[in-house]
Amino acid sequence: MTRYKPRAKKKRLIKKGGQTKWAPFWTVPKKYGKGRRVHPGRHTVVKRSWRRIKIKA
């Protein structure tokens, strides 16, 4: 990628980067109950890695 990115492209990349994070830890007991131990990444909607899936930004 180029050294200088247009502002609109940077905003799109920032948005996509934020979507790939795990869900907050407090959503696990809220969704599955107190006793269930589940990884927060399991119920994150968008799972994307910069290596695997490219975005058309």
N, C-alpha and C. Protein backbone atom coordinates (compact mmCIF):
# COMPACT_ATOMS: atom_id res chain seq x y z
N MET A 1 0.84 -1.17 0.00
CA MET A 1 0.00 0.00 0.00
C MET A 1 0.89 1.24 0.00
N THR A 2 0.36 2.31 -0.46
CA THR A 2 1.14 3.54 -0.56
C THR A 2 1.46 4.11 0.82
N ARG A 3 2.42 5.01 0.82
CA ARG A 3 2.80 5.64 2.08
C ARG A 3 1.71 6.58 2.58
N TYR A 4 1.11 7.36 1.68
CA TYR A 4 0.08 8.32 2.05
C TYR A 4 -1.27 7.80 1.60
N LYS A 5 -2.17 7.59 2.56
CA LYS A 5 -3.49 7.06 2.24
C LYS A 5 -4.53 8.19 2.27
N PRO A 6 -5.51 8.15 1.38
CA PRO A 6 -6.59 9.13 1.43
C PRO A 6 -7.40 8.98 2.73
N ARG A 7 -7.94 10.08 3.19
CA ARG A 7 -8.64 10.09 4.46
C ARG A 7 -9.85 9.14 4.48
N ALA A 8 -10.59 9.08 3.38
CA ALA A 8 -11.77 8.21 3.31
C ALA A 8 -11.36 6.74 3.42
N LYS A 9 -10.27 6.38 2.78
CA LYS A 9 -9.79 5.00 2.84
C LYS A 9 -9.34 4.64 4.25
N LYS A 10 -8.67 5.58 4.91
CA LYS A 10 -8.23 5.35 6.29
C LYS A 10 -9.43 5.11 7.20
N LYS A 11 -10.50 5.89 6.99
CA LYS A 11 -11.69 5.72 7.82
C LYS A 11 -12.32 4.34 7.61
N ARG A 12 -12.34 3.88 6.35
CA ARG A 12 -12.89 2.55 6.08
C ARG A 12 -12.04 1.46 6.72
N LEU A 13 -10.72 1.61 6.64
CA LEU A 13 -9.82 0.62 7.23
C LEU A 13 -9.96 0.59 8.75
N ILE A 14 -10.12 1.75 9.36
CA ILE A 14 -10.30 1.82 10.82
C ILE A 14 -11.58 1.12 11.23
N LYS A 15 -12.64 1.35 10.46
CA LYS A 15 -13.92 0.71 10.77
C LYS A 15 -13.81 -0.80 10.67
N LYS A 16 -13.19 -1.29 9.61
CA LYS A 16 -13.05 -2.74 9.43
C LYS A 16 -12.15 -3.33 10.50
N GLY A 17 -11.14 -2.59 10.92
CA GLY A 17 -10.25 -3.07 11.98
C GLY A 17 -10.96 -3.21 13.30
N GLY A 18 -11.89 -2.32 13.57
CA GLY A 18 -12.65 -2.40 14.81
C GLY A 18 -13.66 -3.53 14.82
N GLN A 19 -14.13 -3.93 13.67
CA GLN A 19 -15.13 -5.00 13.59
C GLN A 19 -14.53 -6.38 13.86
N THR A 20 -13.22 -6.51 13.80
CA THR A 20 -12.61 -7.83 13.94
C THR A 20 -12.28 -8.16 15.39
N LYS A 21 -12.55 -7.27 16.32
CA LYS A 21 -12.23 -7.51 17.72
C LYS A 21 -13.21 -8.49 18.33
N TRP A 22 -12.80 -9.10 19.46
CA TRP A 22 -13.70 -9.99 20.19
C TRP A 22 -14.82 -9.19 20.82
N ALA A 23 -15.88 -9.89 21.13
CA ALA A 23 -16.97 -9.27 21.87
C ALA A 23 -16.49 -8.98 23.30
N PRO A 24 -17.11 -8.03 24.00
CA PRO A 24 -16.71 -7.75 25.38
C PRO A 24 -16.92 -8.96 26.28
N PHE A 25 -16.08 -9.09 27.31
CA PHE A 25 -16.12 -10.28 28.17
C PHE A 25 -17.44 -10.42 28.92
N TRP A 26 -18.10 -9.28 29.22
CA TRP A 26 -19.33 -9.35 30.00
C TRP A 26 -20.52 -9.85 29.18
N THR A 27 -20.38 -9.97 27.86
CA THR A 27 -21.49 -10.49 27.05
C THR A 27 -21.60 -12.01 27.14
N VAL A 28 -20.54 -12.69 27.60
CA VAL A 28 -20.57 -14.16 27.67
C VAL A 28 -21.60 -14.63 28.69
N PRO A 29 -21.53 -14.20 29.96
CA PRO A 29 -22.58 -14.66 30.88
C PRO A 29 -23.97 -14.15 30.52
N LYS A 30 -24.03 -12.99 29.89
CA LYS A 30 -25.32 -12.44 29.48
C LYS A 30 -25.98 -13.34 28.43
N LYS A 31 -25.18 -13.88 27.52
CA LYS A 31 -25.73 -14.67 26.42
C LYS A 31 -25.89 -16.14 26.79
N TYR A 32 -24.89 -16.72 27.48
CA TYR A 32 -24.88 -18.17 27.72
C TYR A 32 -25.24 -18.58 29.14
N GLY A 33 -25.28 -17.63 30.08
CA GLY A 33 -25.55 -17.98 31.48
C GLY A 33 -24.26 -17.91 32.29
N LYS A 34 -24.43 -17.90 33.62
CA LYS A 34 -23.30 -17.66 34.51
C LYS A 34 -22.27 -18.78 34.50
N GLY A 35 -22.71 -20.03 34.44
CA GLY A 35 -21.79 -21.15 34.57
C GLY A 35 -21.04 -21.53 33.30
N ARG A 36 -21.47 -21.05 32.17
CA ARG A 36 -20.89 -21.47 30.89
C ARG A 36 -19.64 -20.66 30.58
N ARG A 37 -18.56 -21.34 30.27
CA ARG A 37 -17.32 -20.64 29.92
C ARG A 37 -17.09 -20.75 28.42
N VAL A 38 -17.27 -19.64 27.74
CA VAL A 38 -17.15 -19.59 26.29
C VAL A 38 -16.22 -18.44 25.95
N HIS A 39 -15.44 -18.61 24.91
CA HIS A 39 -14.54 -17.54 24.47
C HIS A 39 -15.35 -16.42 23.84
N PRO A 40 -15.03 -15.15 24.17
CA PRO A 40 -15.81 -14.03 23.62
C PRO A 40 -15.73 -13.90 22.11
N GLY A 41 -14.69 -14.44 21.49
CA GLY A 41 -14.58 -14.38 20.04
C GLY A 41 -15.58 -15.26 19.33
N ARG A 42 -16.22 -16.14 20.10
CA ARG A 42 -17.15 -17.08 19.50
C ARG A 42 -18.43 -16.41 19.02
N HIS A 43 -18.86 -15.37 19.69
CA HIS A 43 -20.07 -14.70 19.23
C HIS A 43 -19.79 -13.29 18.70
N THR A 44 -18.60 -13.13 18.14
CA THR A 44 -18.31 -11.91 17.39
C THR A 44 -18.80 -12.14 15.96
N VAL A 45 -19.51 -11.18 15.42
CA VAL A 45 -20.15 -11.38 14.13
C VAL A 45 -19.12 -11.44 13.01
N VAL A 46 -18.25 -10.43 12.92
CA VAL A 46 -17.28 -10.35 11.82
C VAL A 46 -15.95 -10.91 12.29
N LYS A 47 -15.47 -11.95 11.63
CA LYS A 47 -14.16 -12.50 11.94
C LYS A 47 -13.31 -12.39 10.67
N ARG A 48 -12.31 -11.53 10.73
CA ARG A 48 -11.50 -11.29 9.56
C ARG A 48 -10.06 -11.05 10.00
N SER A 49 -9.12 -11.58 9.24
CA SER A 49 -7.71 -11.35 9.51
C SER A 49 -7.09 -10.66 8.30
N TRP A 50 -6.11 -9.84 8.55
CA TRP A 50 -5.47 -9.12 7.46
C TRP A 50 -4.71 -10.07 6.54
N ARG A 51 -4.36 -11.25 7.04
CA ARG A 51 -3.69 -12.22 6.18
C ARG A 51 -4.66 -12.99 5.30
N ARG A 52 -5.78 -13.42 5.87
CA ARG A 52 -6.70 -14.32 5.16
C ARG A 52 -7.62 -13.59 4.19
N ILE A 53 -8.43 -12.68 4.69
CA ILE A 53 -9.50 -12.10 3.89
C ILE A 53 -9.21 -10.63 3.63
N LYS A 54 -9.14 -10.28 2.39
CA LYS A 54 -8.86 -8.90 2.01
C LYS A 54 -10.17 -8.12 1.88
N ILE A 55 -10.11 -6.82 2.12
CA ILE A 55 -11.27 -5.97 1.99
C ILE A 55 -11.08 -5.04 0.81
N LYS A 56 -12.18 -4.66 0.22
CA LYS A 56 -12.11 -3.74 -0.91
C LYS A 56 -12.32 -2.33 -0.37
N ALA A 57 -11.25 -1.78 0.17
CA ALA A 57 -11.35 -0.44 0.77
C ALA A 57 -10.98 0.63 -0.23
